[in-house]
Amino acid sequence: MSRLPHLANDRTDSTGDAGSGSSRRIHARLALRRTISLLMADGSARVGTTVDVSQLGLSLSTDKPIAPGSKCQVRFEWQSGGAPESIELGAKAVYSSYTSPRDFRIGVVFTDTKRVPAFLQALMGDSAIASLQNTLDKL
């Protein structure tokens, strides 16, 4: 696939860093539930479930907090023709919020920008990307 959907039109990124102090986002978020792993810089691993994803990052739910600024690898695994496949992407935690006992919402921004298209395609699948692009083209 040669083109990824451009998912929105706000002025700033998910970290709110646009010089204006605004927390509005450049890219819209697509609600998406997928099991992913976070491989932390200290060698530990976490399993989480994505809540939403954009071209700049994603939010996920996990059972423990992650300190903002922590670097990690986001890993997604799936089956393709019966064979296991996986892809990893560098990321950094930008927020960690308590939502309920043993449930924290974590926001990460992608730091490995060259791998974002392949990661999003694996995570979302061709049909989801095509459907989303079709919807956006109508706007």
Protein backbone atom coordinates (compact mmCIF):
# COMPACT_ATOMS: atom_id res chain seq x y z
CA MET A 1 0.00 0.00 0.00
CA SER A 2 1.51 3.27 -1.04
CA ARG A 3 -0.45 5.67 1.13
CA LEU A 4 -1.59 5.70 4.73
CA PRO A 5 -4.69 7.58 5.74
CA HIS A 6 -4.14 11.04 7.12
CA LEU A 7 -6.50 10.80 10.07
CA ALA A 8 -7.34 14.39 11.02
CA ASN A 9 -6.80 18.07 11.02
CA ASP A 10 -6.02 19.52 14.47
CA ARG A 11 -2.99 21.74 15.07
CA THR A 12 -0.86 19.88 17.60
CA ASP A 13 0.39 16.41 18.31
CA SER A 14 -0.78 14.13 21.12
CA THR A 15 1.83 15.55 23.49
CA GLY A 16 0.29 19.00 23.14
CA ASP A 17 3.61 20.40 21.93
CA ALA A 18 2.71 23.04 19.39
CA GLY A 19 3.97 26.05 21.19
CA SER A 20 0.48 27.17 22.10
CA GLY A 21 -0.03 25.01 25.17
CA SER A 22 -3.00 23.36 23.48
CA SER A 23 -3.65 19.66 23.89
CA ARG A 24 -5.45 19.29 20.57
CA ARG A 25 -4.17 16.66 18.17
CA ILE A 26 -2.90 16.84 14.60
CA HIS A 27 -4.09 13.35 13.75
CA ALA A 28 -7.44 11.82 14.63
CA ARG A 29 -7.48 8.63 16.58
CA LEU A 30 -9.08 5.43 15.39
CA ALA A 31 -10.62 3.23 18.09
CA LEU A 32 -8.90 -0.14 17.77
CA ARG A 33 -8.60 -3.08 20.17
CA ARG A 34 -5.51 -5.24 19.66
CA THR A 35 -3.28 -7.08 22.12
CA ILE A 36 0.24 -5.67 22.06
CA SER A 37 3.42 -6.00 24.10
CA LEU A 38 5.61 -3.21 25.41
CA LEU A 39 9.26 -4.16 25.71
CA MET A 40 10.74 -1.72 28.19
CA ALA A 41 14.34 -0.42 28.10
CA ASP A 42 15.11 -2.26 31.37
CA GLY A 43 14.24 -5.61 29.74
CA SER A 44 10.82 -6.03 31.33
CA ALA A 45 7.72 -6.62 29.23
CA ARG A 46 4.08 -5.59 29.57
CA VAL A 47 1.01 -6.84 27.78
CA GLY A 48 -1.69 -4.33 26.98
CA THR A 49 -4.70 -3.67 24.79
CA THR A 50 -4.78 -0.76 22.40
CA VAL A 51 -7.56 1.76 22.94
CA ASP A 52 -6.92 3.97 19.92
CA VAL A 53 -4.21 4.63 17.38
CA SER A 54 -3.06 7.52 15.19
CA GLN A 55 -0.15 8.16 12.87
CA LEU A 56 1.82 9.65 15.78
CA GLY A 57 1.14 7.16 18.54
CA LEU A 58 -1.38 5.09 20.41
CA SER A 59 -3.04 4.73 23.77
CA LEU A 60 -3.37 1.43 25.53
CA SER A 61 -4.68 -0.11 28.69
CA THR A 62 -2.35 -2.13 30.93
CA ASP A 63 -2.27 -3.33 34.54
CA LYS A 64 0.65 -1.16 35.74
CA PRO A 65 1.69 2.46 35.19
CA ILE A 66 4.60 3.43 32.96
CA ALA A 67 6.58 6.54 33.79
CA PRO A 68 6.25 9.33 31.19
CA GLY A 69 9.51 9.58 29.25
CA SER A 70 10.11 5.81 29.39
CA LYS A 71 11.36 4.40 26.10
CA CYS A 72 10.03 1.09 24.84
CA GLN A 73 9.38 -1.07 21.82
CA VAL A 74 5.73 -1.65 20.91
CA ARG A 75 5.36 -5.19 19.56
CA PHE A 76 2.37 -6.54 17.64
CA GLU A 77 2.08 -10.25 16.80
CA TRP A 78 -0.35 -11.96 14.42
CA GLN A 79 -0.77 -15.09 12.30
CA SER A 80 -0.31 -14.95 8.54
CA GLY A 81 -1.13 -18.13 6.66
CA GLY A 82 -0.61 -20.10 9.86
CA ALA A 83 2.85 -18.64 10.43
CA PRO A 84 3.58 -16.26 13.31
CA GLU A 85 4.51 -12.71 12.31
CA SER A 86 5.51 -9.71 14.40
CA ILE A 87 6.64 -6.12 14.08
CA GLU A 88 8.23 -3.77 16.62
CA LEU A 89 8.29 0.00 16.69
CA GLY A 90 10.20 2.38 18.95
CA ALA A 91 8.04 4.54 21.21
CA LYS A 92 8.11 6.78 24.27
CA ALA A 93 5.47 7.06 27.00
CA VAL A 94 3.97 10.55 27.26
CA TYR A 95 1.32 9.95 29.91
CA SER A 96 0.15 7.30 32.35
CA SER A 97 -3.27 7.70 33.99
CA TYR A 98 -5.00 5.58 36.61
CA THR A 99 -8.44 4.52 35.37
CA SER A 100 -9.40 1.76 37.84
CA PRO A 101 -7.72 -0.89 39.99
CA ARG A 102 -5.13 -2.71 37.85
CA ASP A 103 -5.98 -0.56 34.83
CA PHE A 104 -3.88 2.33 33.59
CA ARG A 105 -4.24 4.27 30.33
CA ILE A 106 -0.83 4.77 28.75
CA GLY A 107 -0.13 7.13 25.85
CA VAL A 108 2.92 6.58 23.67
CA VAL A 109 4.33 8.50 20.73
CA PHE A 110 6.16 6.64 18.00
CA THR A 111 9.88 7.44 17.82
CA ASP A 112 10.79 5.08 14.97
CA THR A 113 8.96 7.09 12.32
CA LYS A 114 10.28 5.12 9.34
CA ARG A 115 8.51 1.97 10.56
CA VAL A 116 5.16 3.62 11.34
CA PRO A 117 3.48 2.80 7.97
CA ALA A 118 4.37 -0.90 8.19
CA PHE A 119 3.35 -1.04 11.87
CA LEU A 120 -0.03 0.61 11.25
CA GLN A 121 -0.70 -1.62 8.27
CA ALA A 122 0.03 -4.73 10.36
CA LEU A 123 -2.02 -3.44 13.29
CA MET A 124 -5.01 -2.24 11.29
CA GLY A 125 -4.98 -4.53 8.25
CA ASP A 126 -5.46 -3.54 4.63
CA SER A 127 -9.27 -3.63 4.75
CA ALA A 128 -9.43 -1.29 7.77
CA ILE A 129 -7.04 1.16 6.13
CA ALA A 130 -8.96 1.05 2.84
CA SER A 131 -12.27 1.56 4.63
CA LEU A 132 -10.90 4.45 6.65
CA GLN A 133 -9.36 6.06 3.56
CA ASN A 134 -12.69 5.75 1.72
CA THR A 135 -14.48 7.47 4.62
CA LEU A 136 -11.89 10.26 4.77
CA ASP A 137 -12.05 10.80 1.01
CA LYS A 138 -15.78 11.52 1.35
CA LEU A 139 -15.23 14.26 3.93
